[in-house]
C-alpha cells in the first residue's frame, strides 16, 4: 500500500463499538470495519468467510447484543474480536481477513495493510 489512508478519528468510534468504512485504494474497493476496545483496535474485511456477504445488515452493527463477539447478520456466525476466529456458525474454524491499523500522533486511525485470514 502507498500512504496509509486515514479512516477516522479514534473518538468517532464508541468504546466497545464498531464502525464500517468503504474506500477505494489503488483502484481496489475496500469494505472494512473497526472494533474499538479502549485504545485496542481490530480491523477486518466486511465479508463473512462463509459466502462473502457483508457482516452488517444495519450500518455499523457488527457486534452481538452483549458486544462480546463479531456477528454475521446473515447466518449468525460468531467471531472473536481479537483475532477474527469463527467460534460458531457455518464457517466455524475459519477467520475474517484482518487489516493492520495504527493510531497516528493525532489519534487518527490509519489503514496499514492486510493480513491473511490464517494469521
PDB file of N, CA and C in Angstrom:
ATOM      1  N   UNK A   1       0.838  -1.177   0.000  1.00  0.00           N
ATOM      2  CA  UNK A   1       0.000   0.000   0.000  1.00  0.00           C
ATOM      3  C   UNK A   1       0.879   1.235   0.000  1.00  0.00           C
ATOM      4  N   UNK A   2       0.400   2.274  -0.644  1.00  0.00           N
ATOM      5  CA  UNK A   2       1.108   3.540  -0.591  1.00  0.00           C
ATOM      6  C   UNK A   2       0.820   4.186   0.756  1.00  0.00           C
ATOM      7  N   UNK A   3       0.736   5.509   0.825  1.00  0.00           N
ATOM      8  CA  UNK A   3       0.496   6.163   2.105  1.00  0.00           C
ATOM      9  C   UNK A   3      -0.761   5.607   2.759  1.00  0.00           C
ATOM     10  N   UNK A   4      -0.659   5.298   4.041  1.00  0.00           N
ATOM     11  CA  UNK A   4      -1.770   4.697   4.770  1.00  0.00           C
ATOM     12  C   UNK A   4      -2.929   5.676   4.885  1.00  0.00           C
ATOM     13  N   UNK A   5      -4.097   5.314   4.357  1.00  0.00           N
ATOM     14  CA  UNK A   5      -5.229   6.232   4.405  1.00  0.00           C
ATOM     15  C   UNK A   5      -5.790   6.373   5.819  1.00  0.00           C
ATOM     16  N   UNK A   6      -6.305   7.561   6.111  1.00  0.00           N
ATOM     17  CA  UNK A   6      -6.952   7.826   7.389  1.00  0.00           C
ATOM     18  C   UNK A   6      -8.398   7.367   7.289  1.00  0.00           C
ATOM     19  N   UNK A   7      -8.832   6.559   8.256  1.00  0.00           N
ATOM     20  CA  UNK A   7     -10.220   6.098   8.290  1.00  0.00           C
ATOM     21  C   UNK A   7     -11.104   7.075   9.056  1.00  0.00           C
ATOM     22  N   UNK A   8     -10.667   7.474  10.258  1.00  0.00           N
ATOM     23  CA  UNK A   8     -11.437   8.396  11.086  1.00  0.00           C
ATOM     24  C   UNK A   8     -10.613   8.718  12.328  1.00  0.00           C
ATOM     25  N   UNK A   9     -11.154   9.540  13.185  1.00  0.00           N
ATOM     26  CA  UNK A   9     -10.546   9.808  14.475  1.00  0.00           C
ATOM     27  C   UNK A   9     -10.985   8.758  15.476  1.00  0.00           C
ATOM     28  N   UNK A  10     -10.146   8.472  16.456  1.00  0.00           N
ATOM     29  CA  UNK A  10     -10.472   7.477  17.477  1.00  0.00           C
ATOM     30  C   UNK A  10     -11.807   7.805  18.146  1.00  0.00           C
ATOM     31  N   UNK A  11     -12.068   9.079  18.396  1.00  0.00           N
ATOM     32  CA  UNK A  11     -13.297   9.484  19.076  1.00  0.00           C
ATOM     33  C   UNK A  11     -14.556   9.284  18.226  1.00  0.00           C
ATOM     34  N   UNK A  12     -14.397   8.914  16.964  1.00  0.00           N
ATOM     35  CA  UNK A  12     -15.553   8.671  16.094  1.00  0.00           C
ATOM     36  C   UNK A  12     -16.074   7.233  16.199  1.00  0.00           C
ATOM     37  N   UNK A  13     -15.367   6.393  16.951  1.00  0.00           N
ATOM     38  CA  UNK A  13     -15.837   5.029  17.213  1.00  0.00           C
ATOM     39  C   UNK A  13     -16.053   4.916  18.719  1.00  0.00           C
ATOM     40  N   UNK A  14     -17.267   4.606  19.112  1.00  0.00           N
ATOM     41  CA  UNK A  14     -17.589   4.474  20.530  1.00  0.00           C
ATOM     42  C   UNK A  14     -16.775   3.334  21.136  1.00  0.00           C
ATOM     43  N   UNK A  15     -16.266   3.542  22.343  1.00  0.00           N
ATOM     44  CA  UNK A  15     -15.542   2.483  23.040  1.00  0.00           C
ATOM     45  C   UNK A  15     -16.499   1.302  23.235  1.00  0.00           C
ATOM     46  N   UNK A  16     -16.093   0.117  22.809  1.00  0.00           N
ATOM     47  CA  UNK A  16     -16.954  -1.064  22.853  1.00  0.00           C
ATOM     48  C   UNK A  16     -17.839  -1.197  21.633  1.00  0.00           C
ATOM     49  N   UNK A  17     -17.631  -0.339  20.652  1.00  0.00           N
ATOM     50  CA  UNK A  17     -18.441  -0.351  19.431  1.00  0.00           C
ATOM     51  C   UNK A  17     -17.624  -0.654  18.200  1.00  0.00           C
ATOM     52  N   UNK A  18     -18.253  -0.489  17.051  1.00  0.00           N
ATOM     53  CA  UNK A  18     -17.611  -0.775  15.770  1.00  0.00           C
ATOM     54  C   UNK A  18     -18.116   0.215  14.723  1.00  0.00           C
ATOM     55  N   UNK A  19     -17.347   0.354  13.656  1.00  0.00           N
ATOM     56  CA  UNK A  19     -17.713   1.275  12.578  1.00  0.00           C
ATOM     57  C   UNK A  19     -17.194   0.722  11.261  1.00  0.00           C
ATOM     58  N   UNK A  20     -18.024   0.802  10.229  1.00  0.00           N
ATOM     59  CA  UNK A  20     -17.641   0.330   8.902  1.00  0.00           C
ATOM     60  C   UNK A  20     -17.135   1.449   8.016  1.00  0.00           C
ATOM     61  N   UNK A  21     -16.312   1.087   7.045  1.00  0.00           N
ATOM     62  CA  UNK A  21     -15.732   2.046   6.108  1.00  0.00           C
ATOM     63  C   UNK A  21     -15.725   1.450   4.717  1.00  0.00           C
ATOM     64  N   UNK A  22     -16.017   2.274   3.745  1.00  0.00           N
ATOM     65  CA  UNK A  22     -15.942   1.889   2.336  1.00  0.00           C
ATOM     66  C   UNK A  22     -14.982   2.869   1.676  1.00  0.00           C
ATOM     67  N   UNK A  23     -13.917   2.356   1.072  1.00  0.00           N
ATOM     68  CA  UNK A  23     -12.941   3.236   0.449  1.00  0.00           C
ATOM     69  C   UNK A  23     -12.332   2.577  -0.772  1.00  0.00           C
ATOM     70  N   UNK A  24     -11.742   3.391  -1.592  1.00  0.00           N
ATOM     71  CA  UNK A  24     -11.023   2.890  -2.758  1.00  0.00           C
ATOM     72  C   UNK A  24      -9.550   3.171  -2.527  1.00  0.00           C
ATOM     73  N   UNK A  25      -8.737   2.145  -2.763  1.00  0.00           N
ATOM     74  CA  UNK A  25      -7.309   2.275  -2.553  1.00  0.00           C
ATOM     75  C   UNK A  25      -6.589   1.563  -3.687  1.00  0.00           C
ATOM     76  N   UNK A  26      -5.774   2.315  -4.397  1.00  0.00           N
ATOM     77  CA  UNK A  26      -5.007   1.771  -5.515  1.00  0.00           C
ATOM     78  C   UNK A  26      -5.906   1.017  -6.482  1.00  0.00           C
ATOM     79  N   UNK A  27      -7.083   1.588  -6.763  1.00  0.00           N
ATOM     80  CA  UNK A  27      -8.009   1.014  -7.733  1.00  0.00           C
ATOM     81  C   UNK A  27      -8.856  -0.132  -7.212  1.00  0.00           C
ATOM     82  N   UNK A  28      -8.703  -0.470  -5.949  1.00  0.00           N
ATOM     83  CA  UNK A  28      -9.461  -1.578  -5.365  1.00  0.00           C
ATOM     84  C   UNK A  28     -10.449  -1.029  -4.348  1.00  0.00           C
ATOM     85  N   UNK A  29     -11.684  -1.535  -4.399  1.00  0.00           N
ATOM     86  CA  UNK A  29     -12.722  -1.136  -3.437  1.00  0.00           C
ATOM     87  C   UNK A  29     -12.544  -1.965  -2.172  1.00  0.00           C
ATOM     88  N   UNK A  30     -12.453  -1.307  -1.022  1.00  0.00           N
ATOM     89  CA  UNK A  30     -12.289  -1.991   0.253  1.00  0.00           C
ATOM     90  C   UNK A  30     -13.493  -1.717   1.139  1.00  0.00           C
ATOM     91  N   UNK A  31     -14.017  -2.777   1.725  1.00  0.00           N
ATOM     92  CA  UNK A  31     -15.077  -2.682   2.723  1.00  0.00           C
ATOM     93  C   UNK A  31     -14.474  -3.246   4.005  1.00  0.00           C
ATOM     94  N   UNK A  32     -14.241  -2.394   4.966  1.00  0.00           N
ATOM     95  CA  UNK A  32     -13.605  -2.801   6.209  1.00  0.00           C
ATOM     96  C   UNK A  32     -14.420  -2.288   7.394  1.00  0.00           C
ATOM     97  N   UNK A  33     -14.168  -2.857   8.562  1.00  0.00           N
ATOM     98  CA  UNK A  33     -14.756  -2.324   9.778  1.00  0.00           C
ATOM     99  C   UNK A  33     -13.734  -2.421  10.898  1.00  0.00           C
ATOM    100  N   UNK A  34     -13.908  -1.558  11.882  1.00  0.00           N
ATOM    101  CA  UNK A  34     -13.004  -1.496  13.020  1.00  0.00           C
ATOM    102  C   UNK A  34     -13.816  -1.663  14.293  1.00  0.00           C
ATOM    103  N   UNK A  35     -13.331  -2.517  15.189  1.00  0.00           N
ATOM    104  CA  UNK A  35     -13.915  -2.682  16.518  1.00  0.00           C
ATOM    105  C   UNK A  35     -12.964  -2.006  17.500  1.00  0.00           C
ATOM    106  N   UNK A  36     -13.539  -1.199  18.397  1.00  0.00           N
ATOM    107  CA  UNK A  36     -12.727  -0.485  19.385  1.00  0.00           C
ATOM    108  C   UNK A  36     -12.994  -1.032  20.778  1.00  0.00           C
ATOM    109  N   UNK A  37     -11.921  -1.341  21.485  1.00  0.00           N
ATOM    110  CA  UNK A  37     -11.972  -1.701  22.905  1.00  0.00           C
ATOM    111  C   UNK A  37     -10.909  -0.852  23.589  1.00  0.00           C
ATOM    112  N   UNK A  38     -11.332   0.305  24.097  1.00  0.00           N
ATOM    113  CA  UNK A  38     -10.380   1.266  24.643  1.00  0.00           C
ATOM    114  C   UNK A  38      -9.499   1.793  23.533  1.00  0.00           C
ATOM    115  N   UNK A  39      -8.193   1.617  23.683  1.00  0.00           N
ATOM    116  CA  UNK A  39      -7.264   2.015  22.623  1.00  0.00           C
ATOM    117  C   UNK A  39      -6.816   0.820  21.785  1.00  0.00           C
ATOM    118  N   UNK A  40      -7.421  -0.340  22.043  1.00  0.00           N
ATOM    119  CA  UNK A  40      -7.168  -1.523  21.218  1.00  0.00           C
ATOM    120  C   UNK A  40      -8.142  -1.506  20.049  1.00  0.00           C
ATOM    121  N   UNK A  41      -7.601  -1.650  18.843  1.00  0.00           N
ATOM    122  CA  UNK A  41      -8.391  -1.563  17.624  1.00  0.00           C
ATOM    123  C   UNK A  41      -8.174  -2.806  16.787  1.00  0.00           C
ATOM    124  N   UNK A  42      -9.257  -3.338  16.242  1.00  0.00           N
ATOM    125  CA  UNK A  42      -9.217  -4.556  15.435  1.00  0.00           C
ATOM    126  C   UNK A  42      -9.950  -4.270  14.135  1.00  0.00           C
ATOM    127  N   UNK A  43      -9.277  -4.459  13.009  1.00  0.00           N
ATOM    128  CA  UNK A  43      -9.860  -4.139  11.710  1.00  0.00           C
ATOM    129  C   UNK A  43      -9.950  -5.395  10.845  1.00  0.00           C
ATOM    130  N   UNK A  44     -11.099  -5.555  10.184  1.00  0.00           N
ATOM    131  CA  UNK A  44     -11.355  -6.729   9.344  1.00  0.00           C
ATOM    132  C   UNK A  44     -12.073  -6.334   8.065  1.00  0.00           C
ATOM    133  N   UNK A  45     -11.939  -7.188   7.068  1.00  0.00           N
ATOM    134  CA  UNK A  45     -12.730  -7.043   5.850  1.00  0.00           C
ATOM    135  C   UNK A  45     -14.191  -7.324   6.201  1.00  0.00           C
ATOM    136  N   UNK A  46     -15.091  -6.521   5.667  1.00  0.00           N
ATOM    137  CA  UNK A  46     -16.514  -6.709   5.930  1.00  0.00           C
ATOM    138  C   UNK A  46     -17.078  -7.762   4.975  1.00  0.00           C
ATOM    139  N   UNK A  47     -16.680  -9.003   5.193  1.00  0.00           N
ATOM    140  CA  UNK A  47     -17.140 -10.123   4.376  1.00  0.00           C
ATOM    141  C   UNK A  47     -17.052 -11.401   5.198  1.00  0.00           C
ATOM    142  N   UNK A  48     -18.175 -12.100   5.305  1.00  0.00           N
ATOM    143  CA  UNK A  48     -18.190 -13.366   6.024  1.00  0.00           C
ATOM    144  C   UNK A  48     -17.453 -14.422   5.197  1.00  0.00           C
ATOM    145  N   UNK A  49     -16.587 -15.218   5.812  1.00  0.00           N
ATOM    146  CA  UNK A  49     -15.873 -16.249   5.046  1.00  0.00           C
ATOM    147  C   UNK A  49     -16.793 -17.348   4.525  1.00  0.00           C
ATOM    148  N   UNK A  50     -18.011 -17.429   5.015  1.00  0.00           N
ATOM    149  CA  UNK A  50     -18.952 -18.463   4.572  1.00  0.00           C
ATOM    150  C   UNK A  50     -19.350 -18.258   3.110  1.00  0.00           C
ATOM    151  N   UNK A  51     -19.941 -17.086   2.790  1.00  0.00           N
ATOM    152  CA  UNK A  51     -20.316 -16.833   1.389  1.00  0.00           C
ATOM    153  C   UNK A  51     -19.969 -15.425   0.921  1.00  0.00           C
ATOM    154  N   UNK A  52     -19.215 -14.683   1.733  1.00  0.00           N
ATOM    155  CA  UNK A  52     -18.732 -13.378   1.310  1.00  0.00           C
ATOM    156  C   UNK A  52     -19.692 -12.220   1.512  1.00  0.00           C
ATOM    157  N   UNK A  53     -20.830 -12.450   2.145  1.00  0.00           N
ATOM    158  CA  UNK A  53     -21.780 -11.358   2.366  1.00  0.00           C
ATOM    159  C   UNK A  53     -21.255 -10.401   3.433  1.00  0.00           C
ATOM    160  N   UNK A  54     -21.698  -9.140   3.396  1.00  0.00           N
ATOM    161  CA  UNK A  54     -21.316  -8.217   4.467  1.00  0.00           C
ATOM    162  C   UNK A  54     -21.821  -8.733   5.814  1.00  0.00           C
ATOM    163  N   UNK A  55     -21.082  -8.428   6.864  1.00  0.00           N
ATOM    164  CA  UNK A  55     -21.458  -8.902   8.191  1.00  0.00           C
ATOM    165  C   UNK A  55     -22.612  -8.101   8.790  1.00  0.00           C
ATOM    166  N   UNK A  56     -22.758  -6.851   8.398  1.00  0.00           N
ATOM    167  CA  UNK A  56     -23.780  -5.983   8.990  1.00  0.00           C
ATOM    168  C   UNK A  56     -24.965  -5.784   8.048  1.00  0.00           C
ATOM    169  N   UNK A  57     -26.183  -5.996   8.573  1.00  0.00           N
ATOM    170  CA  UNK A  57     -27.400  -5.628   7.833  1.00  0.00           C
ATOM    171  C   UNK A  57     -27.703  -4.162   8.062  1.00  0.00           C
ATOM    172  N   UNK A  58     -27.482  -3.720   9.272  1.00  0.00           N
ATOM    173  CA  UNK A  58     -27.668  -2.330   9.653  1.00  0.00           C
ATOM    174  C   UNK A  58     -26.284  -1.707   9.750  1.00  0.00           C
ATOM    175  N   UNK A  59     -26.080  -0.531   9.157  1.00  0.00           N
ATOM    176  CA  UNK A  59     -24.738   0.066   9.190  1.00  0.00           C
ATOM    177  C   UNK A  59     -24.147   0.122  10.598  1.00  0.00           C
ATOM    178  N   UNK A  60     -22.889  -0.287  10.685  1.00  0.00           N
ATOM    179  CA  UNK A  60     -22.086  -0.244  11.908  1.00  0.00           C
ATOM    180  C   UNK A  60     -22.562  -1.195  13.006  1.00  0.00           C
ATOM    181  N   UNK A  61     -23.436  -2.137  12.697  1.00  0.00           N
ATOM    182  CA  UNK A  61     -23.885  -3.139  13.671  1.00  0.00           C
ATOM    183  C   UNK A  61     -23.127  -4.435  13.415  1.00  0.00           C
ATOM    184  N   UNK A  62     -21.919  -4.509  13.951  1.00  0.00           N
ATOM    185  CA  UNK A  62     -21.038  -5.653  13.718  1.00  0.00           C
ATOM    186  C   UNK A  62     -20.932  -6.583  14.920  1.00  0.00           C
ATOM    187  N   UNK A  63     -21.459  -6.179  16.077  1.00  0.00           N
ATOM    188  CA  UNK A  63     -21.274  -6.955  17.291  1.00  0.00           C
ATOM    189  C   UNK A  63     -22.581  -7.579  17.754  1.00  0.00           C
ATOM    190  N   UNK A  64     -22.447  -8.685  18.514  1.00  0.00           N
ATOM    191  CA  UNK A  64     -23.640  -9.301  19.101  1.00  0.00           C
ATOM    192  C   UNK A  64     -24.196  -8.379  20.181  1.00  0.00           C
ATOM    193  N   UNK A  65     -25.359  -8.712  20.729  1.00  0.00           N
ATOM    194  CA  UNK A  65     -26.047  -7.843  21.692  1.00  0.00           C
ATOM    195  C   UNK A  65     -25.194  -7.526  22.911  1.00  0.00           C
ATOM    196  N   UNK A  66     -24.372  -8.468  23.352  1.00  0.00           N
ATOM    197  CA  UNK A  66     -23.515  -8.253  24.520  1.00  0.00           C
ATOM    198  C   UNK A  66     -22.253  -7.463  24.173  1.00  0.00           C
ATOM    199  N   UNK A  67     -21.931  -7.356  22.885  1.00  0.00           N
ATOM    200  CA  UNK A  67     -20.711  -6.673  22.470  1.00  0.00           C
ATOM    201  C   UNK A  67     -19.459  -7.500  22.660  1.00  0.00           C
ATOM    202  N   UNK A  68     -19.640  -8.819  22.825  1.00  0.00           N
ATOM    203  CA  UNK A  68     -18.508  -9.709  23.097  1.00  0.00           C
ATOM    204  C   UNK A  68     -17.922 -10.373  21.859  1.00  0.00           C
ATOM    205  N   UNK A  69     -18.691 -10.421  20.767  1.00  0.00           N
ATOM    206  CA  UNK A  69     -18.278 -11.106  19.545  1.00  0.00           C
ATOM    207  C   UNK A  69     -18.704 -10.309  18.325  1.00  0.00           C
ATOM    208  N   UNK A  70     -17.985 -10.514  17.239  1.00  0.00           N
ATOM    209  CA  UNK A  70     -18.426 -10.018  15.942  1.00  0.00           C
ATOM    210  C   UNK A  70     -19.491 -10.991  15.444  1.00  0.00           C
ATOM    211  N   UNK A  71     -20.565 -10.473  14.889  1.00  0.00           N
ATOM    212  CA  UNK A  71     -21.697 -11.283  14.466  1.00  0.00           C
ATOM    213  C   UNK A  71     -21.956 -11.107  12.975  1.00  0.00           C
ATOM    214  N   UNK A  72     -22.122 -12.202  12.260  1.00  0.00           N
ATOM    215  CA  UNK A  72     -22.582 -12.147  10.876  1.00  0.00           C
ATOM    216  C   UNK A  72     -24.107 -12.115  10.909  1.00  0.00           C
ATOM    217  N   UNK A  73     -24.697 -11.027  10.455  1.00  0.00           N
ATOM    218  CA  UNK A  73     -26.150 -10.868  10.498  1.00  0.00           C
ATOM    219  C   UNK A  73     -26.865 -11.828   9.550  1.00  0.00           C
ATOM    220  N   UNK A  74     -26.187 -12.350   8.548  1.00  0.00           N
ATOM    221  CA  UNK A  74     -26.829 -13.244   7.584  1.00  0.00           C
ATOM    222  C   UNK A  74     -27.069 -14.634   8.160  1.00  0.00           C
ATOM    223  N   UNK A  75     -26.052 -15.242   8.750  1.00  0.00           N
ATOM    224  CA  UNK A  75     -26.176 -16.630   9.216  1.00  0.00           C
ATOM    225  C   UNK A  75     -25.898 -16.822  10.701  1.00  0.00           C
ATOM    226  N   UNK A  76     -25.633 -15.747  11.436  1.00  0.00           N
ATOM    227  CA  UNK A  76     -25.427 -15.847  12.876  1.00  0.00           C
ATOM    228  C   UNK A  76     -24.066 -16.342  13.306  1.00  0.00           C
ATOM    229  N   UNK A  77     -23.114 -16.399  12.406  1.00  0.00           N
ATOM    230  CA  UNK A  77     -21.764 -16.824  12.790  1.00  0.00           C
ATOM    231  C   UNK A  77     -21.189 -15.834  13.790  1.00  0.00           C
ATOM    232  N   UNK A  78     -20.414 -16.343  14.743  1.00  0.00           N
ATOM    233  CA  UNK A  78     -19.761 -15.517  15.756  1.00  0.00           C
ATOM    234  C   UNK A  78     -18.248 -15.602  15.596  1.00  0.00           C
ATOM    235  N   UNK A  79     -17.593 -14.457  15.730  1.00  0.00           N
ATOM    236  CA  UNK A  79     -16.149 -14.353  15.572  1.00  0.00           C
ATOM    237  C   UNK A  79     -15.563 -13.657  16.791  1.00  0.00           C
ATOM    238  N   UNK A  80     -14.386 -14.117  17.222  1.00  0.00           N
ATOM    239  CA  UNK A  80     -13.692 -13.439  18.314  1.00  0.00           C
ATOM    240  C   UNK A  80     -13.209 -12.074  17.827  1.00  0.00           C
ATOM    241  N   UNK A  81     -13.360 -11.082  18.658  1.00  0.00           N
ATOM    242  CA  UNK A  81     -12.951  -9.725  18.288  1.00  0.00           C
ATOM    243  C   UNK A  81     -11.444  -9.639  18.103  1.00  0.00           C
ATOM    244  N   UNK A  82     -10.671 -10.268  18.980  1.00  0.00           N
ATOM    245  CA  UNK A  82      -9.221 -10.071  18.974  1.00  0.00           C
ATOM    246  C   UNK A  82      -8.489 -10.717  17.800  1.00  0.00           C
ATOM    247  N   UNK A  83      -9.073 -11.743  17.165  1.00  0.00           N
ATOM    248  CA  UNK A  83      -8.356 -12.373  16.047  1.00  0.00           C
ATOM    249  C   UNK A  83      -9.248 -12.785  14.877  1.00  0.00           C
ATOM    250  N   UNK A  84     -10.552 -12.528  14.954  1.00  0.00           N
ATOM    251  CA  UNK A  84     -11.458 -12.836  13.843  1.00  0.00           C
ATOM    252  C   UNK A  84     -11.760 -14.307  13.662  1.00  0.00           C
ATOM    253  N   UNK A  85     -11.390 -15.143  14.621  1.00  0.00           N
ATOM    254  CA  UNK A  85     -11.624 -16.585  14.523  1.00  0.00           C
ATOM    255  C   UNK A  85     -13.109 -16.879  14.733  1.00  0.00           C
ATOM    256  N   UNK A  86     -13.691 -17.694  13.833  1.00  0.00           N
ATOM    257  CA  UNK A  86     -15.111 -18.047  13.918  1.00  0.00           C
ATOM    258  C   UNK A  86     -15.300 -19.193  14.909  1.00  0.00           C
ATOM    259  N   UNK A  87     -16.060 -18.921  15.963  1.00  0.00           N
ATOM    260  CA  UNK A  87     -16.295 -19.905  17.014  1.00  0.00           C
ATOM    261  C   UNK A  87     -17.624 -20.634  16.866  1.00  0.00           C
ATOM    262  N   UNK A  88     -18.552 -20.095  16.064  1.00  0.00           N
ATOM    263  CA  UNK A  88     -19.867 -20.719  15.900  1.00  0.00           C
ATOM    264  C   UNK A  88     -20.478 -20.292  14.575  1.00  0.00           C
ATOM    265  N   UNK A  89     -21.257 -21.203  13.982  1.00  0.00           N
ATOM    266  CA  UNK A  89     -21.926 -20.893  12.725  1.00  0.00           C
ATOM    267  C   UNK A  89     -21.379 -21.711  11.576  1.00  0.00           C
ATOM    268  N   UNK A  90     -21.859 -21.443  10.366  1.00  0.00           N
ATOM    269  CA  UNK A  90     -21.496 -22.269   9.213  1.00  0.00           C
ATOM    270  C   UNK A  90     -20.034 -22.165   8.785  1.00  0.00           C
ATOM    271  N   UNK A  91     -19.320 -21.175   9.278  1.00  0.00           N
ATOM    272  CA  UNK A  91     -17.898 -21.046   8.916  1.00  0.00           C
ATOM    273  C   UNK A  91     -16.991 -21.277  10.129  1.00  0.00           C
ATOM    274  N   UNK A  92     -17.476 -22.029  11.125  1.00  0.00           N
ATOM    275  CA  UNK A  92     -16.685 -22.305  12.332  1.00  0.00           C
ATOM    276  C   UNK A  92     -15.306 -22.829  11.945  1.00  0.00           C
ATOM    277  N   UNK A  93     -14.284 -22.261  12.563  1.00  0.00           N
ATOM    278  CA  UNK A  93     -12.901 -22.648  12.279  1.00  0.00           C
ATOM    279  C   UNK A  93     -12.224 -21.743  11.268  1.00  0.00           C
ATOM    280  N   UNK A  94     -12.995 -20.978  10.486  1.00  0.00           N
ATOM    281  CA  UNK A  94     -12.426 -20.003   9.551  1.00  0.00           C
ATOM    282  C   UNK A  94     -12.110 -18.716  10.295  1.00  0.00           C
ATOM    283  N   UNK A  95     -11.534 -17.751   9.576  1.00  0.00           N
ATOM    284  CA  UNK A  95     -11.222 -16.442  10.151  1.00  0.00           C
ATOM    285  C   UNK A  95     -11.623 -15.342   9.184  1.00  0.00           C
ATOM    286  N   UNK A  96     -11.893 -14.194   9.757  1.00  0.00           N
ATOM    287  CA  UNK A  96     -12.080 -12.994   8.950  1.00  0.00           C
ATOM    288  C   UNK A  96     -10.729 -12.532   8.441  1.00  0.00           C
ATOM    289  N   UNK A  97     -10.707 -11.875   7.285  1.00  0.00           N
ATOM    290  CA  UNK A  97      -9.476 -11.278   6.776  1.00  0.00           C
ATOM    291  C   UNK A  97      -9.191 -10.019   7.575  1.00  0.00           C
ATOM    292  N   UNK A  98      -8.010  -9.957   8.149  1.00  0.00           N
ATOM    293  CA  UNK A  98      -7.654  -8.877   9.063  1.00  0.00           C
ATOM    294  C   UNK A  98      -6.836  -7.806   8.352  1.00  0.00           C
ATOM    295  N   UNK A  99      -7.025  -6.560   8.786  1.00  0.00           N
ATOM    296  CA  UNK A  99      -6.234  -5.431   8.325  1.00  0.00           C
ATOM    297  C   UNK A  99      -5.421  -4.881   9.486  1.00  0.00           C
ATOM    298  N   UNK A 100      -4.235  -4.421   9.180  1.00  0.00           N
ATOM    299  CA  UNK A 100      -3.407  -3.754  10.180  1.00  0.00           C
ATOM    300  C   UNK A 100      -3.788  -2.279  10.181  1.00  0.00           C
ATOM    301  N   UNK A 101      -3.966  -1.742  11.370  1.00  0.00           N
ATOM    302  CA  UNK A 101      -4.236  -0.318  11.506  1.00  0.00           C
ATOM    303  C   UNK A 101      -3.353   0.227  12.611  1.00  0.00           C
ATOM    304  N   UNK A 102      -3.225   1.543  12.628  1.00  0.00           N
ATOM    305  CA  UNK A 102      -2.453   2.185  13.679  1.00  0.00           C
ATOM    306  C   UNK A 102      -3.103   3.509  14.022  1.00  0.00           C
ATOM    307  N   UNK A 103      -2.823   3.982  15.215  1.00  0.00           N
ATOM    308  CA  UNK A 103      -3.205   5.326  15.618  1.00  0.00           C
ATOM    309  C   UNK A 103      -2.011   6.231  15.353  1.00  0.00           C
ATOM    310  N   UNK A 104      -2.239   7.338  14.657  1.00  0.00           N
ATOM    311  CA  UNK A 104      -1.135   8.270  14.460  1.00  0.00           C
ATOM    312  C   UNK A 104      -1.056   9.212  15.663  1.00  0.00           C
ATOM    313  N   UNK A 105      -0.183  10.169  15.627  1.00  0.00           N
ATOM    314  CA  UNK A 105       0.040  11.078  16.738  1.00  0.00           C
ATOM    315  C   UNK A 105      -1.145  11.978  17.067  1.00  0.00           C
ATOM    316  N   UNK A 106      -2.112  12.016  16.153  1.00  0.00           N
ATOM    317  CA  UNK A 106      -3.301  12.840  16.372  1.00  0.00           C
ATOM    318  C   UNK A 106      -4.535  11.978  16.655  1.00  0.00           C
ATOM    319  N   UNK A 107      -4.317  10.723  17.069  1.00  0.00           N
ATOM    320  CA  UNK A 107      -5.400   9.771  17.359  1.00  0.00           C
ATOM    321  C   UNK A 107      -6.325   9.550  16.163  1.00  0.00           C
ATOM    322  N   UNK A 108      -5.727   9.486  14.967  1.00  0.00           N
ATOM    323  CA  UNK A 108      -6.474   9.125  13.762  1.00  0.00           C
ATOM    324  C   UNK A 108      -6.108   7.693  13.388  1.00  0.00           C
ATOM    325  N   UNK A 109      -7.097   6.920  12.964  1.00  0.00           N
ATOM    326  CA  UNK A 109      -6.867   5.533  12.555  1.00  0.00           C
ATOM    327  C   UNK A 109      -6.391   5.515  11.113  1.00  0.00           C
ATOM    328  N   UNK A 110      -5.294   4.811  10.892  1.00  0.00           N
ATOM    329  CA  UNK A 110      -4.733   4.664   9.540  1.00  0.00           C
ATOM    330  C   UNK A 110      -4.716   3.182   9.176  1.00  0.00           C
ATOM    331  N   UNK A 111      -5.177   2.896   7.987  1.00  0.00           N
ATOM    332  CA  UNK A 111      -5.164   1.523   7.460  1.00  0.00           C
ATOM    333  C   UNK A 111      -3.756   1.253   6.931  1.00  0.00           C
ATOM    334  N   UNK A 112      -3.092   0.239   7.498  1.00  0.00           N
ATOM    335  CA  UNK A 112      -1.704  -0.031   7.148  1.00  0.00           C
ATOM    336  C   UNK A 112      -1.523  -1.132   6.109  1.00  0.00           C
ATOM    337  N   UNK A 113      -2.309  -2.167   6.183  1.00  0.00           N
ATOM    338  CA  UNK A 113      -2.132  -3.275   5.263  1.00  0.00           C
ATOM    339  C   UNK A 113      -3.015  -4.437   5.657  1.00  0.00           C
ATOM    340  N   UNK A 114      -2.966  -5.478   4.866  1.00  0.00           N
ATOM    341  CA  UNK A 114      -3.838  -6.620   5.060  1.00  0.00           C
ATOM    342  C   UNK A 114      -3.041  -7.842   5.493  1.00  0.00           C
ATOM    343  N   UNK A 115      -3.573  -8.555   6.446  1.00  0.00           N
ATOM    344  CA  UNK A 115      -3.011  -9.837   6.844  1.00  0.00           C
ATOM    345  C   UNK A 115      -3.893 -10.934   6.273  1.00  0.00           C
ATOM    346  N   UNK A 116      -3.366 -12.111   6.142  1.00  0.00           N
ATOM    347  CA  UNK A 116      -4.183 -13.217   5.632  1.00  0.00           C
ATOM    348  C   UNK A 116      -5.160 -13.696   6.699  1.00  0.00           C
ATOM    349  N   UNK A 117      -6.170 -14.417   6.276  1.00  0.00           N
ATOM    350  CA  UNK A 117      -7.171 -14.961   7.193  1.00  0.00           C
ATOM    351  C   UNK A 117      -6.546 -15.989   8.128  1.00  0.00           C
ATOM    352  N   UNK A 118      -5.471 -16.618   7.718  1.00  0.00           N
ATOM    353  CA  UNK A 118      -4.851 -17.678   8.515  1.00  0.00           C
ATOM    354  C   UNK A 118      -3.887 -17.132   9.559  1.00  0.00           C
ATOM    355  N   UNK A 119      -3.691 -15.812   9.587  1.00  0.00           N
ATOM    356  CA  UNK A 119      -2.709 -15.238  10.529  1.00  0.00           C
ATOM    357  C   UNK A 119      -3.163 -15.348  11.963  1.00  0.00           C
TER     358      UNK A 119
END
